[in-house]
Amino acid sequence: MQLKLKRSQRTGGMLGGKVIFALDARTDLSPDEKGLVNKYGFGKLVVYDSEARKKHGEAAYGHFDEGTSSTIGRSLWKNARGLASAAMMSLSLRVTVESLMSGQHIECKDLDELLGS
């Protein structure tokens, strides 16, 4: 198994003055290793979850939990907030074995965030 990493950067933003750091990650597996991943169902195994994803997941769970023991109006509001948090969670970074096998592209606004991923 090989893990191939490629770092890069580009300018972005409306005026092109911001630097965006990128990391491309990909695993090259032998046919035997691919067979084991498929056999044991490791494709969906989470390798990394960003802090933002964890935060939004906890918020969604909290909103849905509060919505179950509230009045109808408050319950609708809490469920709507839960859905919004769940949507934000789905947009946050999650790296799985399967995504590494197909290639994962990650972009960050600062280098510290990229080094943490």
C-alpha atoms as a PDB file:
ATOM      1  CA  MET A   1       0.000   0.000   0.000  1.00  0.00           C
ATOM      2  CA  GLN A   2       1.217   3.468  -0.849  1.00  0.00           C
ATOM      3  CA  LEU A   3      -0.186   6.778   0.331  1.00  0.00           C
ATOM      4  CA  LYS A   4       0.572   9.539  -2.132  1.00  0.00           C
ATOM      5  CA  LEU A   5       0.328  13.143  -0.942  1.00  0.00           C
ATOM      6  CA  LYS A   6       0.670  16.256  -3.074  1.00  0.00           C
ATOM      7  CA  ARG A   7       0.612  19.730  -1.538  1.00  0.00           C
ATOM      8  CA  SER A   8      -0.092  22.853  -3.550  1.00  0.00           C
ATOM      9  CA  GLN A   9      -1.383  26.374  -3.213  1.00  0.00           C
ATOM     10  CA  ARG A  10      -3.240  28.861  -5.346  1.00  0.00           C
ATOM     11  CA  THR A  11      -4.564  32.356  -5.048  1.00  0.00           C
ATOM     12  CA  GLY A  12      -8.279  32.832  -4.708  1.00  0.00           C
ATOM     13  CA  GLY A  13     -10.967  35.096  -3.390  1.00  0.00           C
ATOM     14  CA  MET A  14     -12.790  37.853  -5.217  1.00  0.00           C
ATOM     15  CA  LEU A  15      -9.642  39.885  -5.843  1.00  0.00           C
ATOM     16  CA  GLY A  16      -7.228  36.978  -5.915  1.00  0.00           C
ATOM     17  CA  GLY A  17      -5.356  38.170  -2.843  1.00  0.00           C
ATOM     18  CA  LYS A  18      -5.952  35.154  -0.606  1.00  0.00           C
ATOM     19  CA  VAL A  19      -3.830  32.029  -0.630  1.00  0.00           C
ATOM     20  CA  ILE A  20      -5.662  28.696  -0.610  1.00  0.00           C
ATOM     21  CA  PHE A  21      -3.661  25.651   0.448  1.00  0.00           C
ATOM     22  CA  ALA A  22      -4.504  22.255  -1.024  1.00  0.00           C
ATOM     23  CA  LEU A  23      -3.671  18.643  -0.373  1.00  0.00           C
ATOM     24  CA  ASP A  24      -4.382  15.782  -2.755  1.00  0.00           C
ATOM     25  CA  ALA A  25      -4.259  12.363  -1.094  1.00  0.00           C
ATOM     26  CA  ARG A  26      -4.624   8.975  -2.740  1.00  0.00           C
ATOM     27  CA  THR A  27      -3.855   5.401  -1.772  1.00  0.00           C
ATOM     28  CA  ASP A  28      -2.557   2.896  -4.263  1.00  0.00           C
ATOM     29  CA  LEU A  29      -3.580  -0.586  -3.190  1.00  0.00           C
ATOM     30  CA  SER A  30      -2.517  -3.887  -4.663  1.00  0.00           C
ATOM     31  CA  PRO A  31      -5.304  -6.127  -6.003  1.00  0.00           C
ATOM     32  CA  ASP A  32      -5.003  -8.277  -2.853  1.00  0.00           C
ATOM     33  CA  GLU A  33      -5.368  -5.224  -0.610  1.00  0.00           C
ATOM     34  CA  LYS A  34      -8.392  -3.997  -2.598  1.00  0.00           C
ATOM     35  CA  GLY A  35      -9.921  -7.439  -2.191  1.00  0.00           C
ATOM     36  CA  LEU A  36      -9.456  -7.283   1.581  1.00  0.00           C
ATOM     37  CA  VAL A  37     -11.001  -3.791   1.746  1.00  0.00           C
ATOM     38  CA  ASN A  38     -14.042  -5.102  -0.144  1.00  0.00           C
ATOM     39  CA  LYS A  39     -14.208  -8.387   1.779  1.00  0.00           C
ATOM     40  CA  TYR A  40     -14.212  -6.739   5.212  1.00  0.00           C
ATOM     41  CA  GLY A  41     -16.183  -3.623   4.226  1.00  0.00           C
ATOM     42  CA  PHE A  42     -13.441  -1.147   5.137  1.00  0.00           C
ATOM     43  CA  GLY A  43     -14.438   1.335   2.407  1.00  0.00           C
ATOM     44  CA  LYS A  44     -16.775   3.276   4.705  1.00  0.00           C
ATOM     45  CA  LEU A  45     -14.264   3.290   7.572  1.00  0.00           C
ATOM     46  CA  VAL A  46     -13.651   6.895   8.669  1.00  0.00           C
ATOM     47  CA  VAL A  47      -9.989   7.860   8.719  1.00  0.00           C
ATOM     48  CA  TYR A  48     -10.487  11.544   9.635  1.00  0.00           C
ATOM     49  CA  ASP A  49     -13.354  13.873  10.612  1.00  0.00           C
ATOM     50  CA  SER A  50     -12.750  17.612  10.755  1.00  0.00           C
ATOM     51  CA  GLU A  51     -13.471  19.555  13.938  1.00  0.00           C
ATOM     52  CA  ALA A  52     -16.197  21.487  12.070  1.00  0.00           C
ATOM     53  CA  ARG A  53     -17.935  18.228  11.166  1.00  0.00           C
ATOM     54  CA  LYS A  54     -17.859  17.072  14.785  1.00  0.00           C
ATOM     55  CA  LYS A  55     -19.167  20.441  16.004  1.00  0.00           C
ATOM     56  CA  HIS A  56     -22.068  20.501  13.529  1.00  0.00           C
ATOM     57  CA  GLY A  57     -22.913  16.865  14.319  1.00  0.00           C
ATOM     58  CA  GLU A  58     -23.121  17.577  18.040  1.00  0.00           C
ATOM     59  CA  ALA A  59     -25.243  20.675  17.387  1.00  0.00           C
ATOM     60  CA  ALA A  60     -27.647  18.723  15.157  1.00  0.00           C
ATOM     61  CA  TYR A  61     -28.010  15.986  17.764  1.00  0.00           C
ATOM     62  CA  GLY A  62     -28.680  18.603  20.461  1.00  0.00           C
ATOM     63  CA  HIS A  63     -31.322  20.413  18.403  1.00  0.00           C
ATOM     64  CA  PHE A  64     -33.139  17.196  17.519  1.00  0.00           C
ATOM     65  CA  ASP A  65     -32.970  16.045  21.134  1.00  0.00           C
ATOM     66  CA  GLU A  66     -34.421  19.341  22.409  1.00  0.00           C
ATOM     67  CA  GLY A  67     -37.127  19.195  19.736  1.00  0.00           C
ATOM     68  CA  THR A  68     -38.552  15.953  21.088  1.00  0.00           C
ATOM     69  CA  SER A  69     -39.479  17.453  24.462  1.00  0.00           C
ATOM     70  CA  SER A  70     -40.793  20.858  23.346  1.00  0.00           C
ATOM     71  CA  THR A  71     -44.037  22.455  22.294  1.00  0.00           C
ATOM     72  CA  ILE A  72     -45.059  22.070  18.657  1.00  0.00           C
ATOM     73  CA  GLY A  73     -43.791  25.488  17.563  1.00  0.00           C
ATOM     74  CA  ARG A  74     -40.516  25.157  19.420  1.00  0.00           C
ATOM     75  CA  SER A  75     -40.155  21.570  18.206  1.00  0.00           C
ATOM     76  CA  LEU A  76     -40.484  22.700  14.565  1.00  0.00           C
ATOM     77  CA  TRP A  77     -37.886  25.426  15.164  1.00  0.00           C
ATOM     78  CA  LYS A  78     -35.444  23.026  16.843  1.00  0.00           C
ATOM     79  CA  ASN A  79     -35.900  20.429  14.089  1.00  0.00           C
ATOM     80  CA  ALA A  80     -35.247  23.101  11.426  1.00  0.00           C
ATOM     81  CA  ARG A  81     -32.055  24.118  13.223  1.00  0.00           C
ATOM     82  CA  GLY A  82     -31.118  20.454  13.496  1.00  0.00           C
ATOM     83  CA  LEU A  83     -31.558  20.035   9.746  1.00  0.00           C
ATOM     84  CA  ALA A  84     -29.413  23.119   9.092  1.00  0.00           C
ATOM     85  CA  SER A  85     -26.653  21.754  11.346  1.00  0.00           C
ATOM     86  CA  ALA A  86     -26.892  18.356   9.651  1.00  0.00           C
ATOM     87  CA  ALA A  87     -26.539  20.048   6.247  1.00  0.00           C
ATOM     88  CA  MET A  88     -23.454  21.936   7.435  1.00  0.00           C
ATOM     89  CA  MET A  89     -22.049  18.685   8.803  1.00  0.00           C
ATOM     90  CA  SER A  90     -22.437  16.997   5.415  1.00  0.00           C
ATOM     91  CA  LEU A  91     -20.427  19.816   3.800  1.00  0.00           C
ATOM     92  CA  SER A  92     -17.544  19.424   6.265  1.00  0.00           C
ATOM     93  CA  LEU A  93     -14.500  17.263   5.663  1.00  0.00           C
ATOM     94  CA  ARG A  94     -14.671  13.513   6.178  1.00  0.00           C
ATOM     95  CA  VAL A  95     -11.971  11.186   4.850  1.00  0.00           C
ATOM     96  CA  THR A  96     -12.776   7.492   4.430  1.00  0.00           C
ATOM     97  CA  VAL A  97     -10.767   4.575   3.083  1.00  0.00           C
ATOM     98  CA  GLU A  98     -12.976   4.641  -0.018  1.00  0.00           C
ATOM     99  CA  SER A  99     -12.395   8.370  -0.613  1.00  0.00           C
ATOM    100  CA  LEU A 100      -8.635   7.847  -0.311  1.00  0.00           C
ATOM    101  CA  MET A 101      -8.811   5.011  -2.817  1.00  0.00           C
ATOM    102  CA  SER A 102     -10.530   7.271  -5.354  1.00  0.00           C
ATOM    103  CA  GLY A 103      -8.478  10.356  -4.410  1.00  0.00           C
ATOM    104  CA  GLN A 104      -9.322  13.096  -1.921  1.00  0.00           C
ATOM    105  CA  HIS A 105      -8.839  16.819  -2.622  1.00  0.00           C
ATOM    106  CA  ILE A 106      -8.737  19.083   0.431  1.00  0.00           C
ATOM    107  CA  GLU A 107      -8.565  22.897   0.365  1.00  0.00           C
ATOM    108  CA  CYS A 108      -7.979  25.115   3.405  1.00  0.00           C
ATOM    109  CA  LYS A 109      -7.689  28.832   4.026  1.00  0.00           C
ATOM    110  CA  ASP A 110      -4.696  28.533   6.328  1.00  0.00           C
ATOM    111  CA  LEU A 111      -1.715  26.249   6.533  1.00  0.00           C
ATOM    112  CA  ASP A 112      -2.358  25.242  10.175  1.00  0.00           C
ATOM    113  CA  GLU A 113      -5.772  23.844   9.211  1.00  0.00           C
ATOM    114  CA  LEU A 114      -4.208  21.842   6.384  1.00  0.00           C
ATOM    115  CA  LEU A 115      -1.474  20.463   8.644  1.00  0.00           C
ATOM    116  CA  GLY A 116      -4.141  19.386  11.128  1.00  0.00           C
ATOM    117  CA  SER A 117      -5.986  17.350   8.500  1.00  0.00           C
END
